Amino acid sequence: MSEPQNSSQPPSGGSVNPDYYVQWKPPLIPPGQGRRVVRIAIAVLAVALVFMGAVTLWRSNLIALPGGRGDIMGRVAAPTGGAVVFVLPNPTEIPVAADGSFTVPNVPAGRQMLYVALAGMAWEVPVEVPNQGSVDVGVITVEVTAEPAQ
């Protein structure tokens, strides 16, 4: 004859005692152990959140090193005159000279988006602005391929 099983594992085999799960009791956790695990998990998540926030802030253009500004230079090749350039941290439109050259001064260092606007349309040019330096984006060719909607 077999003895009744009192282990923490459910009985295996063909017949299952339906009262097993009613009588089952979870293993005892030492007092304070659950709180310790929760505190460790909260600390790990807090450190991960602070790290991710620091990386996001470092990669953004919200902070610039003191004096962390530069200039963007280049030339716009457009079929007609009247083009302007600007960057969003300083949205002042700078008109392009008659020969197509332009200089956008005092732009925060880091990744910026240079916008070239002509005839109601705009083109985006990604630019990496060096700290206390200048970058030449070369010749930007703009071409109006359709008439703007009226």
C-alpha atoms as a PDB file:
ATOM      1  CA  MET A   1       0.000   0.000   0.000  1.00  0.00           C
ATOM      2  CA  SER A   2       1.269   3.442  -0.775  1.00  0.00           C
ATOM      3  CA  GLU A   3       1.394   6.230   1.743  1.00  0.00           C
ATOM      4  CA  PRO A   4      -0.280   9.603   1.069  1.00  0.00           C
ATOM      5  CA  GLN A   5       2.019  12.147  -0.548  1.00  0.00           C
ATOM      6  CA  ASN A   6       2.726  15.283   1.493  1.00  0.00           C
ATOM      7  CA  SER A   7       5.286  16.818  -0.871  1.00  0.00           C
ATOM      8  CA  SER A   8       5.020  20.240  -2.477  1.00  0.00           C
ATOM      9  CA  GLN A   9       4.667  18.641  -5.919  1.00  0.00           C
ATOM     10  CA  PRO A  10       1.257  17.603  -7.236  1.00  0.00           C
ATOM     11  CA  PRO A  11       0.748  13.867  -7.431  1.00  0.00           C
ATOM     12  CA  SER A  12       1.706  12.302 -10.708  1.00  0.00           C
ATOM     13  CA  GLY A  13       0.140   9.325 -12.331  1.00  0.00           C
ATOM     14  CA  GLY A  14      -3.311   8.325 -13.352  1.00  0.00           C
ATOM     15  CA  SER A  15      -5.313   9.375 -10.330  1.00  0.00           C
ATOM     16  CA  VAL A  16      -5.233  12.905  -8.931  1.00  0.00           C
ATOM     17  CA  ASN A  17      -6.537  13.800  -5.509  1.00  0.00           C
ATOM     18  CA  PRO A  18      -9.013  16.667  -6.131  1.00  0.00           C
ATOM     19  CA  ASP A  19      -8.371  18.006  -2.627  1.00  0.00           C
ATOM     20  CA  TYR A  20      -4.616  18.395  -3.270  1.00  0.00           C
ATOM     21  CA  TYR A  21      -4.890  21.994  -4.490  1.00  0.00           C
ATOM     22  CA  VAL A  22      -7.284  22.922  -1.724  1.00  0.00           C
ATOM     23  CA  GLN A  23      -4.869  21.633   0.914  1.00  0.00           C
ATOM     24  CA  TRP A  24      -1.744  23.076  -0.766  1.00  0.00           C
ATOM     25  CA  LYS A  25      -0.023  25.895   1.089  1.00  0.00           C
ATOM     26  CA  PRO A  26       2.565  28.174  -0.511  1.00  0.00           C
ATOM     27  CA  PRO A  27       6.121  27.928   0.789  1.00  0.00           C
ATOM     28  CA  LEU A  28       6.879  30.290   3.626  1.00  0.00           C
ATOM     29  CA  ILE A  29       8.944  33.369   2.840  1.00  0.00           C
ATOM     30  CA  PRO A  30      11.066  34.559   5.744  1.00  0.00           C
ATOM     31  CA  PRO A  31       9.744  37.793   7.287  1.00  0.00           C
ATOM     32  CA  GLY A  32      11.118  40.857   5.509  1.00  0.00           C
ATOM     33  CA  GLN A  33      12.390  38.864   2.517  1.00  0.00           C
ATOM     34  CA  GLY A  34       9.569  40.048   0.234  1.00  0.00           C
ATOM     35  CA  ARG A  35      10.155  43.674   1.149  1.00  0.00           C
ATOM     36  CA  ARG A  36      13.864  43.283   0.470  1.00  0.00           C
ATOM     37  CA  VAL A  37      13.225  41.891  -3.005  1.00  0.00           C
ATOM     38  CA  VAL A  38      10.813  44.733  -3.788  1.00  0.00           C
ATOM     39  CA  ARG A  39      13.322  47.340  -2.563  1.00  0.00           C
ATOM     40  CA  ILE A  40      16.082  45.842  -4.707  1.00  0.00           C
ATOM     41  CA  ALA A  41      13.802  45.787  -7.756  1.00  0.00           C
ATOM     42  CA  ILE A  42      12.800  49.430  -7.208  1.00  0.00           C
ATOM     43  CA  ALA A  43      16.458  50.450  -6.807  1.00  0.00           C
ATOM     44  CA  VAL A  44      17.475  48.648 -10.009  1.00  0.00           C
ATOM     45  CA  LEU A  45      14.605  50.216 -11.957  1.00  0.00           C
ATOM     46  CA  ALA A  46      15.423  53.684 -10.562  1.00  0.00           C
ATOM     47  CA  VAL A  47      19.080  53.373 -11.593  1.00  0.00           C
ATOM     48  CA  ALA A  48      18.046  52.202 -15.072  1.00  0.00           C
ATOM     49  CA  LEU A  49      15.606  55.125 -15.404  1.00  0.00           C
ATOM     50  CA  VAL A  50      18.223  57.686 -14.330  1.00  0.00           C
ATOM     51  CA  PHE A  51      20.745  56.181 -16.763  1.00  0.00           C
ATOM     52  CA  MET A  52      18.283  56.258 -19.663  1.00  0.00           C
ATOM     53  CA  GLY A  53      17.328  59.855 -18.843  1.00  0.00           C
ATOM     54  CA  ALA A  54      20.974  60.931 -18.729  1.00  0.00           C
ATOM     55  CA  VAL A  55      21.700  59.288 -22.094  1.00  0.00           C
ATOM     56  CA  THR A  56      18.607  60.889 -23.648  1.00  0.00           C
ATOM     57  CA  LEU A  57      19.542  64.327 -22.316  1.00  0.00           C
ATOM     58  CA  TRP A  58      23.151  63.917 -23.473  1.00  0.00           C
ATOM     59  CA  ARG A  59      22.047  62.963 -27.003  1.00  0.00           C
ATOM     60  CA  SER A  60      19.509  65.786 -27.242  1.00  0.00           C
ATOM     61  CA  ASN A  61      20.146  69.381 -28.200  1.00  0.00           C
ATOM     62  CA  LEU A  62      18.590  70.694 -24.996  1.00  0.00           C
ATOM     63  CA  ILE A  63      21.946  71.072 -23.322  1.00  0.00           C
ATOM     64  CA  ALA A  64      25.013  72.526 -24.945  1.00  0.00           C
ATOM     65  CA  LEU A  65      28.435  72.927 -23.444  1.00  0.00           C
ATOM     66  CA  PRO A  66      29.298  76.496 -22.465  1.00  0.00           C
ATOM     67  CA  GLY A  67      30.329  78.148 -25.704  1.00  0.00           C
ATOM     68  CA  GLY A  68      29.004  75.081 -27.541  1.00  0.00           C
ATOM     69  CA  ARG A  69      27.965  76.888 -30.664  1.00  0.00           C
ATOM     70  CA  GLY A  70      29.152  76.959 -34.237  1.00  0.00           C
ATOM     71  CA  ASP A  71      28.360  78.235 -37.720  1.00  0.00           C
ATOM     72  CA  ILE A  72      26.838  76.552 -40.763  1.00  0.00           C
ATOM     73  CA  MET A  73      28.043  77.670 -44.189  1.00  0.00           C
ATOM     74  CA  GLY A  74      27.137  76.565 -47.670  1.00  0.00           C
ATOM     75  CA  ARG A  75      25.624  77.464 -50.990  1.00  0.00           C
ATOM     76  CA  VAL A  76      22.121  76.983 -52.395  1.00  0.00           C
ATOM     77  CA  ALA A  77      21.733  76.242 -56.089  1.00  0.00           C
ATOM     78  CA  ALA A  78      18.169  77.256 -56.934  1.00  0.00           C
ATOM     79  CA  PRO A  79      16.535  78.055 -60.281  1.00  0.00           C
ATOM     80  CA  THR A  80      15.311  81.399 -58.932  1.00  0.00           C
ATOM     81  CA  GLY A  81      16.343  83.737 -56.144  1.00  0.00           C
ATOM     82  CA  GLY A  82      14.518  84.234 -52.880  1.00  0.00           C
ATOM     83  CA  ALA A  83      15.649  81.172 -50.931  1.00  0.00           C
ATOM     84  CA  VAL A  84      16.108  81.436 -47.175  1.00  0.00           C
ATOM     85  CA  VAL A  85      17.803  79.120 -44.657  1.00  0.00           C
ATOM     86  CA  PHE A  86      17.182  78.591 -40.944  1.00  0.00           C
ATOM     87  CA  VAL A  87      17.571  76.120 -38.082  1.00  0.00           C
ATOM     88  CA  LEU A  88      14.893  75.556 -35.435  1.00  0.00           C
ATOM     89  CA  PRO A  89      16.956  76.512 -32.350  1.00  0.00           C
ATOM     90  CA  ASN A  90      17.249  79.964 -33.988  1.00  0.00           C
ATOM     91  CA  PRO A  91      14.278  80.259 -36.379  1.00  0.00           C
ATOM     92  CA  THR A  92      15.411  83.593 -37.847  1.00  0.00           C
ATOM     93  CA  GLU A  93      15.346  83.238 -41.627  1.00  0.00           C
ATOM     94  CA  ILE A  94      18.629  84.142 -43.266  1.00  0.00           C
ATOM     95  CA  PRO A  95      18.337  85.177 -46.911  1.00  0.00           C
ATOM     96  CA  VAL A  96      20.654  83.507 -49.388  1.00  0.00           C
ATOM     97  CA  ALA A  97      23.055  85.886 -51.174  1.00  0.00           C
ATOM     98  CA  ALA A  98      22.829  86.497 -54.926  1.00  0.00           C
ATOM     99  CA  ASP A  99      25.571  83.926 -55.564  1.00  0.00           C
ATOM    100  CA  GLY A 100      23.712  81.379 -53.375  1.00  0.00           C
ATOM    101  CA  SER A 101      26.071  81.502 -50.384  1.00  0.00           C
ATOM    102  CA  PHE A 102      24.822  81.656 -46.805  1.00  0.00           C
ATOM    103  CA  THR A 103      26.129  81.552 -43.241  1.00  0.00           C
ATOM    104  CA  VAL A 104      23.954  80.670 -40.242  1.00  0.00           C
ATOM    105  CA  PRO A 105      25.829  81.942 -37.163  1.00  0.00           C
ATOM    106  CA  ASN A 106      25.597  80.920 -33.522  1.00  0.00           C
ATOM    107  CA  VAL A 107      23.949  77.491 -33.919  1.00  0.00           C
ATOM    108  CA  PRO A 108      24.041  75.123 -30.906  1.00  0.00           C
ATOM    109  CA  ALA A 109      26.661  72.388 -31.306  1.00  0.00           C
ATOM    110  CA  GLY A 110      25.451  68.881 -32.123  1.00  0.00           C
ATOM    111  CA  ARG A 111      23.000  67.398 -34.559  1.00  0.00           C
ATOM    112  CA  GLN A 112      20.851  70.074 -36.169  1.00  0.00           C
ATOM    113  CA  MET A 113      18.448  70.200 -39.084  1.00  0.00           C
ATOM    114  CA  LEU A 114      19.089  72.962 -41.618  1.00  0.00           C
ATOM    115  CA  TYR A 115      15.985  74.042 -43.545  1.00  0.00           C
ATOM    116  CA  VAL A 116      16.151  75.622 -46.991  1.00  0.00           C
ATOM    117  CA  ALA A 117      12.876  77.327 -47.949  1.00  0.00           C
ATOM    118  CA  LEU A 118      11.932  78.398 -51.464  1.00  0.00           C
ATOM    119  CA  ALA A 119       8.565  79.087 -53.117  1.00  0.00           C
ATOM    120  CA  GLY A 120       6.512  77.844 -50.175  1.00  0.00           C
ATOM    121  CA  MET A 121       8.411  74.540 -49.851  1.00  0.00           C
ATOM    122  CA  ALA A 122      11.280  73.508 -47.611  1.00  0.00           C
ATOM    123  CA  TRP A 123      14.114  70.982 -47.802  1.00  0.00           C
ATOM    124  CA  GLU A 124      15.791  69.450 -44.759  1.00  0.00           C
ATOM    125  CA  VAL A 125      19.541  68.919 -44.537  1.00  0.00           C
ATOM    126  CA  PRO A 126      20.963  67.136 -41.457  1.00  0.00           C
ATOM    127  CA  VAL A 127      24.099  68.846 -40.144  1.00  0.00           C
ATOM    128  CA  GLU A 128      26.558  67.993 -37.342  1.00  0.00           C
ATOM    129  CA  VAL A 129      27.670  71.378 -35.934  1.00  0.00           C
ATOM    130  CA  PRO A 130      31.083  71.310 -34.208  1.00  0.00           C
ATOM    131  CA  ASN A 131      31.697  73.023 -30.870  1.00  0.00           C
ATOM    132  CA  GLN A 132      33.137  76.524 -31.486  1.00  0.00           C
ATOM    133  CA  GLY A 133      33.745  75.801 -35.154  1.00  0.00           C
ATOM    134  CA  SER A 134      32.042  75.937 -38.503  1.00  0.00           C
ATOM    135  CA  VAL A 135      30.804  73.331 -40.935  1.00  0.00           C
ATOM    136  CA  ASP A 136      30.443  73.646 -44.692  1.00  0.00           C
ATOM    137  CA  VAL A 137      27.440  71.727 -46.026  1.00  0.00           C
ATOM    138  CA  GLY A 138      28.544  72.261 -49.622  1.00  0.00           C
ATOM    139  CA  VAL A 139      26.094  72.937 -52.432  1.00  0.00           C
ATOM    140  CA  ILE A 140      22.431  72.266 -51.731  1.00  0.00           C
ATOM    141  CA  THR A 141      20.491  71.855 -54.945  1.00  0.00           C
ATOM    142  CA  VAL A 142      16.798  72.710 -54.686  1.00  0.00           C
ATOM    143  CA  GLU A 143      14.379  72.180 -57.492  1.00  0.00           C
ATOM    144  CA  VAL A 144      10.682  72.960 -57.568  1.00  0.00           C
ATOM    145  CA  THR A 145       9.039  70.011 -59.317  1.00  0.00           C
ATOM    146  CA  ALA A 146       5.403  70.983 -58.787  1.00  0.00           C
ATOM    147  CA  GLU A 147       3.360  74.101 -58.300  1.00  0.00           C
ATOM    148  CA  PRO A 148       2.095  74.692 -54.761  1.00  0.00           C
ATOM    149  CA  ALA A 149      -1.636  74.171 -54.183  1.00  0.00           C
ATOM    150  CA  GLN A 150      -3.702  77.345 -54.216  1.00  0.00           C
END
